[in-house]
Amino acid sequence: MTNSKKVYLIIGLGRFGISFSEKLVELGQTVIGVDNQIAPVTEMAEKIDVAAQIDVEDEASLIKIGAKEVDVAVVAIGESIEASILCTSILVDIGVPLVIARASNAVHAKVLNRVGAHSVIMPERQMGQHMAENMVYPWYDSFTKIDGGDFVLGKITPTKDMIGKTIADLRFMQRYDAVAVLLEHNGKQLVPLPNRPFETGDKLWVLGHKDSMNKLVSKEQ
């Protein structure tokens, strides 16, 4: 197996689990999907590598389906918090390298962390936050978010007041509270030198705080 292809075990084939599984298959990954109910297993049988109905709270059943051999296990159980916690605990105990568990609320997330989940996600909450950010900052989705804070990296068109001026002339960092990282001109990528004037058609990669970037991007409009 190459580093780019892994084996994923998806536990719980509700809407989230199915969507997750289908995207992994699209990305060329190996997917094993299991659920307590037969209906979602039947639905996914032709779409993923292995689909099986098992008792997801039973260690022997999880081991039999291959849980000890997978690279990543995703506990996507949404309705039964007890089953989610027990299943997560079993997967951690049998040594799955990466166990990602879906939480329904903050208390559920805290318990999942305590039983050893390597990562806990709250997709409904994260999606809500993402939608709110995109409404307030329409440009936000095209920028890369830097983990651990509110800094973002993205490409802008130099504003009218930048054209013909250099980074030094503008005192770029002080004025915009952002760092010019990369310049694109005529299809070429260049280091943004402090004495090179901005030209029409330039594109500039900038790094800065989300609020500072919002002010800078607004100037493009």
N, C-alpha and C. Protein backbone atom coordinates (compact mmCIF):
# COMPACT_ATOMS: atom_id res chain seq x y z
N MET A 1 0.84 -1.19 0.00
CA MET A 1 0.00 0.00 0.00
C MET A 1 0.87 1.24 0.00
N THR A 2 0.54 2.22 -0.84
CA THR A 2 1.30 3.45 -0.87
C THR A 2 0.80 4.39 0.21
N ASN A 3 1.59 5.42 0.48
CA ASN A 3 1.20 6.38 1.50
C ASN A 3 -0.07 7.12 1.13
N SER A 4 -0.37 7.21 -0.18
CA SER A 4 -1.52 7.99 -0.62
C SER A 4 -2.83 7.20 -0.53
N LYS A 5 -2.74 5.88 -0.37
CA LYS A 5 -3.96 5.07 -0.29
C LYS A 5 -4.01 4.36 1.03
N LYS A 6 -5.13 4.52 1.72
CA LYS A 6 -5.31 3.91 3.03
C LYS A 6 -6.61 3.13 3.08
N VAL A 7 -6.74 2.32 4.11
CA VAL A 7 -7.97 1.57 4.34
C VAL A 7 -8.75 2.26 5.46
N TYR A 8 -9.99 2.61 5.14
CA TYR A 8 -10.86 3.30 6.10
C TYR A 8 -12.01 2.39 6.51
N LEU A 9 -12.30 2.39 7.80
CA LEU A 9 -13.46 1.68 8.32
C LEU A 9 -14.48 2.74 8.76
N ILE A 10 -15.62 2.77 8.11
CA ILE A 10 -16.67 3.73 8.44
C ILE A 10 -17.77 2.99 9.21
N ILE A 11 -18.01 3.41 10.44
CA ILE A 11 -18.98 2.75 11.29
C ILE A 11 -20.19 3.66 11.45
N GLY A 12 -21.32 3.22 10.88
CA GLY A 12 -22.53 4.04 10.89
C GLY A 12 -22.76 4.62 9.51
N LEU A 13 -23.70 4.04 8.77
CA LEU A 13 -23.94 4.47 7.39
C LEU A 13 -25.22 5.30 7.28
N GLY A 14 -25.26 6.34 8.12
CA GLY A 14 -26.31 7.34 7.96
C GLY A 14 -25.90 8.30 6.87
N ARG A 15 -26.55 9.47 6.80
CA ARG A 15 -26.23 10.42 5.74
C ARG A 15 -24.77 10.87 5.79
N PHE A 16 -24.27 11.13 6.99
CA PHE A 16 -22.88 11.55 7.12
C PHE A 16 -21.93 10.43 6.72
N GLY A 17 -22.16 9.22 7.24
CA GLY A 17 -21.29 8.09 6.95
C GLY A 17 -21.27 7.74 5.48
N ILE A 18 -22.44 7.80 4.83
CA ILE A 18 -22.53 7.50 3.40
C ILE A 18 -21.79 8.55 2.59
N SER A 19 -22.03 9.81 2.90
CA SER A 19 -21.35 10.90 2.19
C SER A 19 -19.84 10.79 2.33
N PHE A 20 -19.39 10.51 3.55
CA PHE A 20 -17.96 10.37 3.83
C PHE A 20 -17.38 9.22 3.02
N SER A 21 -18.08 8.08 3.02
CA SER A 21 -17.62 6.89 2.30
C SER A 21 -17.52 7.14 0.80
N GLU A 22 -18.55 7.76 0.24
CA GLU A 22 -18.56 8.01 -1.20
C GLU A 22 -17.42 8.93 -1.62
N LYS A 23 -17.12 9.93 -0.80
CA LYS A 23 -16.02 10.84 -1.13
C LYS A 23 -14.69 10.12 -1.04
N LEU A 24 -14.51 9.27 -0.06
CA LEU A 24 -13.26 8.51 0.06
C LEU A 24 -13.04 7.62 -1.16
N VAL A 25 -14.11 6.97 -1.62
CA VAL A 25 -14.01 6.13 -2.82
C VAL A 25 -13.62 6.99 -4.02
N GLU A 26 -14.24 8.15 -4.13
CA GLU A 26 -13.93 9.08 -5.22
C GLU A 26 -12.46 9.48 -5.19
N LEU A 27 -11.90 9.56 -3.98
CA LEU A 27 -10.49 9.94 -3.81
C LEU A 27 -9.53 8.75 -3.90
N GLY A 28 -10.07 7.59 -4.26
CA GLY A 28 -9.22 6.42 -4.49
C GLY A 28 -8.84 5.63 -3.27
N GLN A 29 -9.59 5.79 -2.17
CA GLN A 29 -9.28 5.07 -0.95
C GLN A 29 -10.07 3.76 -0.85
N THR A 30 -9.58 2.85 -0.01
CA THR A 30 -10.29 1.59 0.25
C THR A 30 -11.22 1.80 1.43
N VAL A 31 -12.50 1.43 1.25
CA VAL A 31 -13.51 1.72 2.28
C VAL A 31 -14.26 0.46 2.68
N ILE A 32 -14.30 0.24 4.00
CA ILE A 32 -15.15 -0.78 4.61
C ILE A 32 -16.23 -0.04 5.37
N GLY A 33 -17.48 -0.31 5.07
CA GLY A 33 -18.58 0.35 5.75
C GLY A 33 -19.44 -0.63 6.50
N VAL A 34 -19.77 -0.33 7.75
CA VAL A 34 -20.59 -1.23 8.55
C VAL A 34 -21.70 -0.45 9.25
N ASP A 35 -22.78 -1.17 9.54
CA ASP A 35 -23.91 -0.57 10.24
C ASP A 35 -24.70 -1.67 10.92
N ASN A 36 -25.46 -1.29 11.95
CA ASN A 36 -26.33 -2.26 12.62
C ASN A 36 -27.51 -2.66 11.74
N GLN A 37 -27.90 -1.76 10.83
CA GLN A 37 -29.09 -1.98 10.02
C GLN A 37 -28.71 -2.47 8.62
N ILE A 38 -29.59 -3.29 8.04
CA ILE A 38 -29.29 -3.88 6.74
C ILE A 38 -29.54 -2.90 5.59
N ALA A 39 -30.51 -2.00 5.74
CA ALA A 39 -30.88 -1.13 4.61
C ALA A 39 -29.71 -0.28 4.09
N PRO A 40 -28.98 0.46 4.95
CA PRO A 40 -27.86 1.24 4.43
C PRO A 40 -26.71 0.39 3.92
N VAL A 41 -26.55 -0.80 4.49
CA VAL A 41 -25.51 -1.72 4.02
C VAL A 41 -25.82 -2.16 2.60
N THR A 42 -27.09 -2.50 2.36
CA THR A 42 -27.51 -2.90 1.02
C THR A 42 -27.30 -1.76 0.02
N GLU A 43 -27.64 -0.54 0.46
CA GLU A 43 -27.49 0.63 -0.41
C GLU A 43 -26.04 0.85 -0.82
N MET A 44 -25.10 0.56 0.10
CA MET A 44 -23.70 0.85 -0.15
C MET A 44 -22.92 -0.33 -0.71
N ALA A 45 -23.55 -1.48 -0.82
CA ALA A 45 -22.85 -2.71 -1.20
C ALA A 45 -22.07 -2.59 -2.50
N GLU A 46 -22.63 -1.89 -3.49
CA GLU A 46 -21.97 -1.77 -4.79
C GLU A 46 -21.11 -0.50 -4.90
N LYS A 47 -21.10 0.30 -3.86
CA LYS A 47 -20.41 1.59 -3.93
C LYS A 47 -19.07 1.60 -3.21
N ILE A 48 -18.89 0.70 -2.25
CA ILE A 48 -17.64 0.66 -1.49
C ILE A 48 -17.04 -0.74 -1.57
N ASP A 49 -15.84 -0.89 -1.06
CA ASP A 49 -15.13 -2.17 -1.20
C ASP A 49 -15.79 -3.28 -0.40
N VAL A 50 -16.19 -2.99 0.84
CA VAL A 50 -16.86 -3.97 1.69
C VAL A 50 -17.97 -3.27 2.45
N ALA A 51 -19.17 -3.85 2.46
CA ALA A 51 -20.28 -3.34 3.25
C ALA A 51 -20.86 -4.50 4.05
N ALA A 52 -21.04 -4.30 5.35
CA ALA A 52 -21.50 -5.42 6.18
C ALA A 52 -22.38 -4.94 7.32
N GLN A 53 -23.37 -5.77 7.63
CA GLN A 53 -24.21 -5.53 8.79
C GLN A 53 -23.60 -6.27 9.97
N ILE A 54 -23.21 -5.54 10.99
CA ILE A 54 -22.63 -6.16 12.19
C ILE A 54 -23.13 -5.42 13.43
N ASP A 55 -22.88 -6.02 14.58
CA ASP A 55 -23.12 -5.34 15.85
C ASP A 55 -21.90 -4.45 16.11
N VAL A 56 -22.06 -3.15 15.94
CA VAL A 56 -20.92 -2.23 16.02
C VAL A 56 -20.44 -2.03 17.47
N GLU A 57 -21.17 -2.60 18.42
CA GLU A 57 -20.75 -2.52 19.82
C GLU A 57 -20.05 -3.80 20.28
N ASP A 58 -19.82 -4.72 19.35
CA ASP A 58 -19.21 -6.01 19.69
C ASP A 58 -17.79 -6.07 19.17
N GLU A 59 -16.82 -6.22 20.06
CA GLU A 59 -15.40 -6.22 19.69
C GLU A 59 -15.08 -7.32 18.70
N ALA A 60 -15.59 -8.53 18.93
CA ALA A 60 -15.29 -9.65 18.04
C ALA A 60 -15.78 -9.38 16.61
N SER A 61 -16.95 -8.76 16.50
CA SER A 61 -17.49 -8.45 15.17
C SER A 61 -16.65 -7.42 14.45
N LEU A 62 -16.18 -6.43 15.19
CA LEU A 62 -15.34 -5.39 14.60
C LEU A 62 -14.00 -5.97 14.15
N ILE A 63 -13.45 -6.85 14.96
CA ILE A 63 -12.17 -7.48 14.59
C ILE A 63 -12.35 -8.38 13.37
N LYS A 64 -13.47 -9.12 13.33
CA LYS A 64 -13.73 -10.02 12.21
C LYS A 64 -13.84 -9.27 10.89
N ILE A 65 -14.40 -8.05 10.93
CA ILE A 65 -14.57 -7.27 9.69
C ILE A 65 -13.25 -6.62 9.26
N GLY A 66 -12.23 -6.70 10.14
CA GLY A 66 -10.92 -6.20 9.77
C GLY A 66 -10.47 -4.93 10.46
N ALA A 67 -11.10 -4.59 11.58
CA ALA A 67 -10.80 -3.33 12.26
C ALA A 67 -9.33 -3.21 12.67
N LYS A 68 -8.71 -4.32 13.01
CA LYS A 68 -7.31 -4.27 13.44
C LYS A 68 -6.35 -3.95 12.30
N GLU A 69 -6.80 -4.14 11.07
CA GLU A 69 -5.91 -3.94 9.92
C GLU A 69 -6.11 -2.59 9.23
N VAL A 70 -7.12 -1.81 9.63
CA VAL A 70 -7.38 -0.56 8.92
C VAL A 70 -6.41 0.53 9.38
N ASP A 71 -6.29 1.54 8.55
CA ASP A 71 -5.44 2.69 8.89
C ASP A 71 -6.21 3.74 9.68
N VAL A 72 -7.49 3.88 9.33
CA VAL A 72 -8.33 4.91 9.97
C VAL A 72 -9.72 4.33 10.21
N ALA A 73 -10.26 4.61 11.39
CA ALA A 73 -11.64 4.24 11.67
C ALA A 73 -12.42 5.52 11.95
N VAL A 74 -13.58 5.66 11.32
CA VAL A 74 -14.44 6.83 11.53
C VAL A 74 -15.75 6.35 12.14
N VAL A 75 -15.97 6.74 13.39
CA VAL A 75 -17.22 6.38 14.07
C VAL A 75 -18.24 7.46 13.74
N ALA A 76 -19.08 7.16 12.75
CA ALA A 76 -20.03 8.16 12.25
C ALA A 76 -21.42 7.97 12.82
N ILE A 77 -21.53 7.21 13.89
CA ILE A 77 -22.83 6.95 14.52
C ILE A 77 -23.42 8.26 15.03
N GLY A 78 -24.65 8.55 14.62
CA GLY A 78 -25.23 9.84 14.99
C GLY A 78 -26.27 9.78 16.10
N GLU A 79 -27.10 8.74 16.11
CA GLU A 79 -28.24 8.73 17.02
C GLU A 79 -27.93 8.13 18.38
N SER A 80 -27.21 7.04 18.43
CA SER A 80 -26.95 6.36 19.71
C SER A 80 -25.61 6.80 20.29
N ILE A 81 -25.66 7.67 21.28
CA ILE A 81 -24.43 8.16 21.90
C ILE A 81 -23.70 7.02 22.61
N GLU A 82 -24.47 6.14 23.26
CA GLU A 82 -23.87 5.01 23.97
C GLU A 82 -23.09 4.11 23.01
N ALA A 83 -23.70 3.80 21.86
CA ALA A 83 -23.02 2.95 20.88
C ALA A 83 -21.78 3.64 20.33
N SER A 84 -21.87 4.93 20.10
CA SER A 84 -20.73 5.70 19.60
C SER A 84 -19.55 5.64 20.56
N ILE A 85 -19.84 5.82 21.84
CA ILE A 85 -18.77 5.84 22.86
C ILE A 85 -18.16 4.45 23.00
N LEU A 86 -19.00 3.43 23.08
CA LEU A 86 -18.50 2.06 23.25
C LEU A 86 -17.67 1.63 22.05
N CYS A 87 -18.16 1.91 20.85
CA CYS A 87 -17.44 1.54 19.63
C CYS A 87 -16.10 2.26 19.56
N THR A 88 -16.09 3.53 19.88
CA THR A 88 -14.83 4.30 19.87
C THR A 88 -13.83 3.71 20.84
N SER A 89 -14.29 3.38 22.03
CA SER A 89 -13.42 2.80 23.05
C SER A 89 -12.81 1.48 22.58
N ILE A 90 -13.63 0.63 21.94
CA ILE A 90 -13.14 -0.66 21.44
C ILE A 90 -12.05 -0.45 20.40
N LEU A 91 -12.30 0.46 19.45
CA LEU A 91 -11.34 0.70 18.37
C LEU A 91 -10.01 1.23 18.91
N VAL A 92 -10.08 2.08 19.91
CA VAL A 92 -8.85 2.59 20.53
C VAL A 92 -8.11 1.45 21.23
N ASP A 93 -8.85 0.62 21.96
CA ASP A 93 -8.25 -0.48 22.73
C ASP A 93 -7.59 -1.52 21.83
N ILE A 94 -8.14 -1.76 20.63
CA ILE A 94 -7.55 -2.79 19.76
C ILE A 94 -6.41 -2.24 18.91
N GLY A 95 -6.15 -0.95 19.06
CA GLY A 95 -4.95 -0.38 18.43
C GLY A 95 -5.11 0.21 17.05
N VAL A 96 -6.32 0.64 16.68
CA VAL A 96 -6.47 1.33 15.39
C VAL A 96 -5.64 2.61 15.43
N PRO A 97 -4.78 2.84 14.43
CA PRO A 97 -3.85 3.99 14.49
C PRO A 97 -4.52 5.34 14.60
N LEU A 98 -5.66 5.52 13.94
CA LEU A 98 -6.35 6.80 13.98
C LEU A 98 -7.86 6.55 14.08
N VAL A 99 -8.43 7.00 15.20
CA VAL A 99 -9.87 6.85 15.42
C VAL A 99 -10.49 8.24 15.46
N ILE A 100 -11.37 8.50 14.49
CA ILE A 100 -12.07 9.77 14.40
C ILE A 100 -13.53 9.51 14.77
N ALA A 101 -14.05 10.27 15.72
CA ALA A 101 -15.41 10.03 16.19
C ALA A 101 -16.28 11.27 16.01
N ARG A 102 -17.50 11.03 15.59
CA ARG A 102 -18.47 12.12 15.40
C ARG A 102 -19.22 12.34 16.70
N ALA A 103 -19.31 13.59 17.14
CA ALA A 103 -20.03 13.93 18.36
C ALA A 103 -21.31 14.69 18.04
N SER A 104 -22.36 14.44 18.85
CA SER A 104 -23.63 15.13 18.66
C SER A 104 -23.70 16.44 19.42
N ASN A 105 -22.93 16.53 20.50
CA ASN A 105 -22.93 17.75 21.32
C ASN A 105 -21.63 17.83 22.11
N ALA A 106 -21.47 18.88 22.88
CA ALA A 106 -20.22 19.12 23.59
C ALA A 106 -19.94 18.05 24.65
N VAL A 107 -20.98 17.59 25.34
CA VAL A 107 -20.78 16.56 26.37
C VAL A 107 -20.34 15.26 25.71
N HIS A 108 -21.00 14.91 24.62
CA HIS A 108 -20.63 13.71 23.87
C HIS A 108 -19.17 13.80 23.42
N ALA A 109 -18.77 14.96 22.93
CA ALA A 109 -17.39 15.17 22.48
C ALA A 109 -16.40 14.97 23.63
N LYS A 110 -16.74 15.49 24.79
CA LYS A 110 -15.86 15.37 25.96
C LYS A 110 -15.66 13.90 26.34
N VAL A 111 -16.73 13.12 26.30
CA VAL A 111 -16.63 11.70 26.65
C VAL A 111 -15.80 10.95 25.61
N LEU A 112 -16.02 11.27 24.34
CA LEU A 112 -15.25 10.61 23.28
C LEU A 112 -13.75 10.89 23.43
N ASN A 113 -13.42 12.11 23.81
CA ASN A 113 -12.01 12.44 24.07
C ASN A 113 -11.47 11.62 25.23
N ARG A 114 -12.29 11.46 26.24
CA ARG A 114 -11.84 10.73 27.45
C ARG A 114 -11.62 9.25 27.18
N VAL A 115 -12.40 8.66 26.26
CA VAL A 115 -12.20 7.24 25.98
C VAL A 115 -11.09 7.02 24.96
N GLY A 116 -10.47 8.12 24.49
CA GLY A 116 -9.27 7.97 23.67
C GLY A 116 -9.37 8.29 22.20
N ALA A 117 -10.51 8.83 21.75
CA ALA A 117 -10.62 9.20 20.33
C ALA A 117 -9.48 10.15 19.96
N HIS A 118 -8.83 9.88 18.84
CA HIS A 118 -7.71 10.73 18.43
C HIS A 118 -8.18 12.07 17.88
N SER A 119 -9.38 12.07 17.33
CA SER A 119 -9.96 13.31 16.81
C SER A 119 -11.47 13.23 16.95
N VAL A 120 -12.08 14.33 17.37
CA VAL A 120 -13.54 14.39 17.52
C VAL A 120 -14.07 15.49 16.62
N ILE A 121 -15.07 15.17 15.82
CA ILE A 121 -15.64 16.15 14.89
C ILE A 121 -17.12 16.37 15.21
N MET A 122 -17.58 17.59 14.94
CA MET A 122 -18.99 17.93 15.11
C MET A 122 -19.45 18.56 13.79
N PRO A 123 -19.75 17.74 12.78
CA PRO A 123 -19.99 18.25 11.43
C PRO A 123 -21.11 19.27 11.31
N GLU A 124 -22.21 19.07 12.06
CA GLU A 124 -23.31 20.03 11.97
C GLU A 124 -22.87 21.40 12.48
N ARG A 125 -22.16 21.41 13.59
CA ARG A 125 -21.68 22.68 14.16
C ARG A 125 -20.65 23.33 13.23
N GLN A 126 -19.73 22.50 12.71
CA GLN A 126 -18.69 23.03 11.83
C GLN A 126 -19.28 23.57 10.54
N MET A 127 -20.30 22.90 10.00
CA MET A 127 -20.95 23.37 8.78
C MET A 127 -21.67 24.69 9.02
N GLY A 128 -22.33 24.81 10.19
CA GLY A 128 -23.01 26.04 10.53
C GLY A 128 -22.04 27.21 10.64
N GLN A 129 -20.90 26.96 11.28
CA GLN A 129 -19.89 28.00 11.42
C GLN A 129 -19.33 28.39 10.06
N HIS A 130 -19.12 27.38 9.22
CA HIS A 130 -18.57 27.63 7.88
C HIS A 130 -19.52 28.48 7.05
N MET A 131 -20.81 28.18 7.11
CA MET A 131 -21.80 28.94 6.35
C MET A 131 -21.87 30.38 6.84
N ALA A 132 -21.82 30.55 8.17
CA ALA A 132 -21.87 31.90 8.74
C ALA A 132 -20.66 32.72 8.30
N GLU A 133 -19.48 32.11 8.33
CA GLU A 133 -18.26 32.81 7.91
C GLU A 133 -18.33 33.21 6.45
N ASN A 134 -18.87 32.33 5.60
CA ASN A 134 -18.96 32.63 4.17
C ASN A 134 -19.97 33.73 3.86
N MET A 135 -20.97 33.88 4.73
CA MET A 135 -21.93 34.96 4.54
C MET A 135 -21.32 36.31 4.94
N VAL A 136 -20.56 36.30 6.05
CA VAL A 136 -19.94 37.54 6.52
C VAL A 136 -18.73 37.89 5.67
N TYR A 137 -17.96 36.86 5.29
CA TYR A 137 -16.76 37.04 4.47
C TYR A 137 -16.93 36.23 3.18
N PRO A 138 -17.57 36.79 2.14
CA PRO A 138 -17.84 36.02 0.91
C PRO A 138 -16.59 35.47 0.24
N TRP A 139 -15.44 36.10 0.47
CA TRP A 139 -14.19 35.68 -0.16
C TRP A 139 -13.53 34.52 0.59
N TYR A 140 -14.02 34.23 1.79
CA TYR A 140 -13.29 33.38 2.74
C TYR A 140 -13.03 31.97 2.22
N ASP A 141 -13.98 31.43 1.46
CA ASP A 141 -13.87 30.04 1.03
C ASP A 141 -12.75 29.82 0.03
N SER A 142 -12.31 30.88 -0.65
CA SER A 142 -11.23 30.73 -1.64
C SER A 142 -9.85 30.91 -1.01
N PHE A 143 -9.79 31.20 0.28
CA PHE A 143 -8.52 31.36 0.99
C PHE A 143 -8.21 30.11 1.81
N THR A 144 -6.92 29.90 2.07
CA THR A 144 -6.49 28.77 2.89
C THR A 144 -6.42 29.21 4.35
N LYS A 145 -7.07 28.44 5.23
CA LYS A 145 -7.05 28.77 6.65
C LYS A 145 -5.81 28.18 7.30
N ILE A 146 -5.11 28.97 8.09
CA ILE A 146 -3.93 28.49 8.81
C ILE A 146 -4.38 27.91 10.14
N ASP A 147 -4.04 26.64 10.39
CA ASP A 147 -4.47 25.97 11.62
C ASP A 147 -3.99 26.72 12.86
N GLY A 148 -4.88 26.74 13.85
CA GLY A 148 -4.48 27.27 15.16
C GLY A 148 -4.79 28.74 15.38
N GLY A 149 -5.46 29.39 14.43
CA GLY A 149 -5.76 30.80 14.60
C GLY A 149 -6.67 31.33 13.51
N ASP A 150 -6.69 32.66 13.37
CA ASP A 150 -7.56 33.30 12.38
C ASP A 150 -6.78 33.88 11.21
N PHE A 151 -5.62 33.30 10.92
CA PHE A 151 -4.83 33.78 9.79
C PHE A 151 -5.19 32.98 8.53
N VAL A 152 -5.19 33.70 7.40
CA VAL A 152 -5.54 33.08 6.12
C VAL A 152 -4.53 33.48 5.05
N LEU A 153 -4.43 32.64 4.03
CA LEU A 153 -3.52 32.89 2.90
C LEU A 153 -4.33 32.81 1.63
N GLY A 154 -4.18 33.83 0.76
CA GLY A 154 -4.92 33.80 -0.48
C GLY A 154 -4.40 34.79 -1.50
N LYS A 155 -5.00 34.73 -2.70
CA LYS A 155 -4.55 35.54 -3.82
C LYS A 155 -5.51 36.69 -4.06
N ILE A 156 -4.96 37.91 -4.23
CA ILE A 156 -5.77 39.08 -4.51
C ILE A 156 -5.23 39.79 -5.75
N THR A 157 -6.04 40.69 -6.27
CA THR A 157 -5.60 41.59 -7.32
C THR A 157 -5.17 42.90 -6.66
N PRO A 158 -3.96 43.39 -6.91
CA PRO A 158 -3.56 44.66 -6.30
C PRO A 158 -4.60 45.75 -6.57
N THR A 159 -4.94 46.51 -5.55
CA THR A 159 -5.96 47.55 -5.67
C THR A 159 -5.43 48.74 -6.47
N LYS A 160 -6.35 49.61 -6.87
CA LYS A 160 -5.97 50.76 -7.69
C LYS A 160 -4.90 51.62 -7.02
N ASP A 161 -4.99 51.76 -5.70
CA ASP A 161 -4.01 52.61 -5.02
C ASP A 161 -2.63 51.95 -4.89
N MET A 162 -2.53 50.66 -5.27
CA MET A 162 -1.23 49.98 -5.25
C MET A 162 -0.49 50.08 -6.59
N ILE A 163 -1.25 50.20 -7.68
CA ILE A 163 -0.64 50.18 -9.01
C ILE A 163 0.35 51.34 -9.15
N GLY A 164 1.56 50.98 -9.62
CA GLY A 164 2.62 51.97 -9.80
C GLY A 164 3.43 52.24 -8.56
N LYS A 165 3.04 51.62 -7.46
CA LYS A 165 3.77 51.80 -6.21
C LYS A 165 4.43 50.49 -5.80
N THR A 166 5.47 50.58 -4.99
CA THR A 166 6.19 49.41 -4.52
C THR A 166 5.71 49.04 -3.12
N ILE A 167 6.13 47.86 -2.69
CA ILE A 167 5.82 47.43 -1.33
C ILE A 167 6.40 48.43 -0.33
N ALA A 168 7.62 48.93 -0.64
CA ALA A 168 8.26 49.90 0.25
C ALA A 168 7.49 51.21 0.27
N ASP A 169 7.06 51.68 -0.93
CA ASP A 169 6.28 52.92 -1.01
C ASP A 169 5.02 52.84 -0.15
N LEU A 170 4.38 51.72 -0.24
CA LEU A 170 3.09 51.53 0.44
C LEU A 170 3.24 51.23 1.93
N ARG A 171 4.48 50.88 2.32
CA ARG A 171 4.69 50.37 3.70
C ARG A 171 3.62 49.28 3.93
N PHE A 172 3.67 48.28 3.03
CA PHE A 172 2.61 47.29 2.86
C PHE A 172 2.20 46.63 4.18
N MET A 173 3.14 46.12 4.92
CA MET A 173 2.80 45.38 6.13
C MET A 173 2.11 46.27 7.16
N GLN A 174 2.64 47.50 7.31
CA GLN A 174 2.05 48.39 8.29
C GLN A 174 0.67 48.88 7.86
N ARG A 175 0.52 49.18 6.56
CA ARG A 175 -0.75 49.72 6.08
C ARG A 175 -1.86 48.69 6.06
N TYR A 176 -1.54 47.50 5.59
CA TYR A 176 -2.59 46.49 5.39
C TYR A 176 -2.59 45.40 6.46
N ASP A 177 -1.62 45.43 7.36
CA ASP A 177 -1.51 44.41 8.40
C ASP A 177 -1.49 43.01 7.77
N ALA A 178 -0.70 42.89 6.69
CA ALA A 178 -0.60 41.63 5.95
C ALA A 178 0.80 41.53 5.34
N VAL A 179 1.17 40.30 4.98
CA VAL A 179 2.49 40.05 4.41
C VAL A 179 2.34 39.62 2.96
N ALA A 180 3.06 40.28 2.04
CA ALA A 180 3.09 39.88 0.63
C ALA A 180 4.01 38.67 0.50
N VAL A 181 3.46 37.54 0.11
CA VAL A 181 4.20 36.28 0.09
C VAL A 181 4.72 35.92 -1.30
N LEU A 182 3.91 36.16 -2.33
CA LEU A 182 4.26 35.73 -3.68
C LEU A 182 3.57 36.64 -4.70
N LEU A 183 4.29 36.94 -5.80
CA LEU A 183 3.75 37.77 -6.87
C LEU A 183 3.63 36.93 -8.14
N GLU A 184 2.50 37.06 -8.84
CA GLU A 184 2.31 36.40 -10.13
C GLU A 184 2.20 37.46 -11.21
N HIS A 185 3.00 37.31 -12.27
CA HIS A 185 2.98 38.27 -13.37
C HIS A 185 3.22 37.53 -14.68
N ASN A 186 2.29 37.70 -15.62
CA ASN A 186 2.39 37.04 -16.92
C ASN A 186 2.63 35.53 -16.80
N GLY A 187 1.94 34.92 -15.87
CA GLY A 187 2.03 33.47 -15.70
C GLY A 187 3.25 32.99 -14.93
N LYS A 188 4.08 33.91 -14.48
CA LYS A 188 5.28 33.53 -13.73
C LYS A 188 5.12 33.90 -12.26
N GLN A 189 5.73 33.10 -11.40
CA GLN A 189 5.71 33.38 -9.97
C GLN A 189 7.04 34.03 -9.57
N LEU A 190 6.94 35.13 -8.84
CA LEU A 190 8.11 35.92 -8.48
C LEU A 190 8.10 36.25 -6.99
N VAL A 191 9.30 36.43 -6.45
CA VAL A 191 9.41 36.94 -5.08
C VAL A 191 8.98 38.41 -5.11
N PRO A 192 8.06 38.83 -4.25
CA PRO A 192 7.62 40.24 -4.27
C PRO A 192 8.68 41.18 -3.69
N LEU A 193 9.56 41.67 -4.57
CA LEU A 193 10.65 42.54 -4.13
C LEU A 193 10.11 43.89 -3.65
N PRO A 194 10.73 44.47 -2.63
CA PRO A 194 10.21 45.72 -2.06
C PRO A 194 10.27 46.92 -2.99
N ASN A 195 11.15 46.88 -4.03
CA ASN A 195 11.31 48.04 -4.92
C ASN A 195 10.69 47.82 -6.31
N ARG A 196 9.87 46.79 -6.47
CA ARG A 196 9.25 46.50 -7.77
C ARG A 196 7.81 47.04 -7.75
N PRO A 197 7.46 48.01 -8.60
CA PRO A 197 6.11 48.58 -8.61
C PRO A 197 5.06 47.56 -9.05
N PHE A 198 3.90 47.61 -8.46
CA PHE A 198 2.80 46.76 -8.89
C PHE A 198 2.30 47.22 -10.26
N GLU A 199 1.94 46.23 -11.10
CA GLU A 199 1.44 46.53 -12.44
C GLU A 199 0.04 45.96 -12.63
N THR A 200 -0.69 46.54 -13.57
CA THR A 200 -2.00 46.00 -13.91
C THR A 200 -1.84 44.56 -14.41
N GLY A 201 -2.67 43.68 -13.91
CA GLY A 201 -2.56 42.26 -14.29
C GLY A 201 -1.82 41.42 -13.28
N ASP A 202 -1.14 42.07 -12.33
CA ASP A 202 -0.45 41.33 -11.27
C ASP A 202 -1.48 40.62 -10.38
N LYS A 203 -1.03 39.53 -9.78
CA LYS A 203 -1.77 38.85 -8.72
C LYS A 203 -0.82 38.71 -7.53
N LEU A 204 -1.35 38.91 -6.35
CA LEU A 204 -0.50 38.91 -5.16
C LEU A 204 -1.04 37.95 -4.11
N TRP A 205 -0.16 37.05 -3.65
CA TRP A 205 -0.52 36.15 -2.55
C TRP A 205 -0.18 36.85 -1.24
N VAL A 206 -1.17 36.93 -0.35
CA VAL A 206 -0.98 37.65 0.91
C VAL A 206 -1.39 36.78 2.09
N LEU A 207 -0.73 37.01 3.21
CA LEU A 207 -1.00 36.29 4.46
C LEU A 207 -1.35 37.32 5.52
N GLY A 208 -2.47 37.10 6.19
CA GLY A 208 -2.84 38.04 7.23
C GLY A 208 -4.00 37.55 8.07
N HIS A 209 -4.34 38.32 9.10
CA HIS A 209 -5.47 38.00 9.96
C HIS A 209 -6.76 38.14 9.15
N LYS A 210 -7.75 37.34 9.48
CA LYS A 210 -9.01 37.33 8.73
C LYS A 210 -9.64 38.72 8.63
N ASP A 211 -9.68 39.45 9.73
CA ASP A 211 -10.30 40.78 9.71
C ASP A 211 -9.51 41.77 8.86
N SER A 212 -8.18 41.71 8.95
CA SER A 212 -7.34 42.59 8.13
C SER A 212 -7.50 42.24 6.66
N MET A 213 -7.59 40.94 6.36
CA MET A 213 -7.75 40.51 4.98
C MET A 213 -9.10 40.94 4.43
N ASN A 214 -10.12 40.95 5.27
CA ASN A 214 -11.44 41.37 4.83
C ASN A 214 -11.42 42.83 4.37
N LYS A 215 -10.69 43.68 5.09
CA LYS A 215 -10.56 45.08 4.70
C LYS A 215 -9.81 45.22 3.38
N LEU A 216 -8.76 44.39 3.22
CA LEU A 216 -7.96 44.44 2.00
C LEU A 216 -8.75 43.94 0.80
N VAL A 217 -9.45 42.83 0.97
CA VAL A 217 -10.23 42.26 -0.12
C VAL A 217 -11.37 43.21 -0.50
N SER A 218 -11.95 43.89 0.48
CA SER A 218 -13.04 44.81 0.21
C SER A 218 -12.61 45.95 -0.71
N LYS A 219 -11.31 46.31 -0.65
CA LYS A 219 -10.79 47.36 -1.50
C LYS A 219 -10.77 46.95 -2.96
N GLU A 220 -10.79 45.61 -3.22
CA GLU A 220 -10.78 45.13 -4.61
C GLU A 220 -12.12 45.37 -5.30
N GLN A 221 -13.18 45.45 -4.51
CA GLN A 221 -14.53 45.49 -5.09
C GLN A 221 -14.77 46.76 -5.89
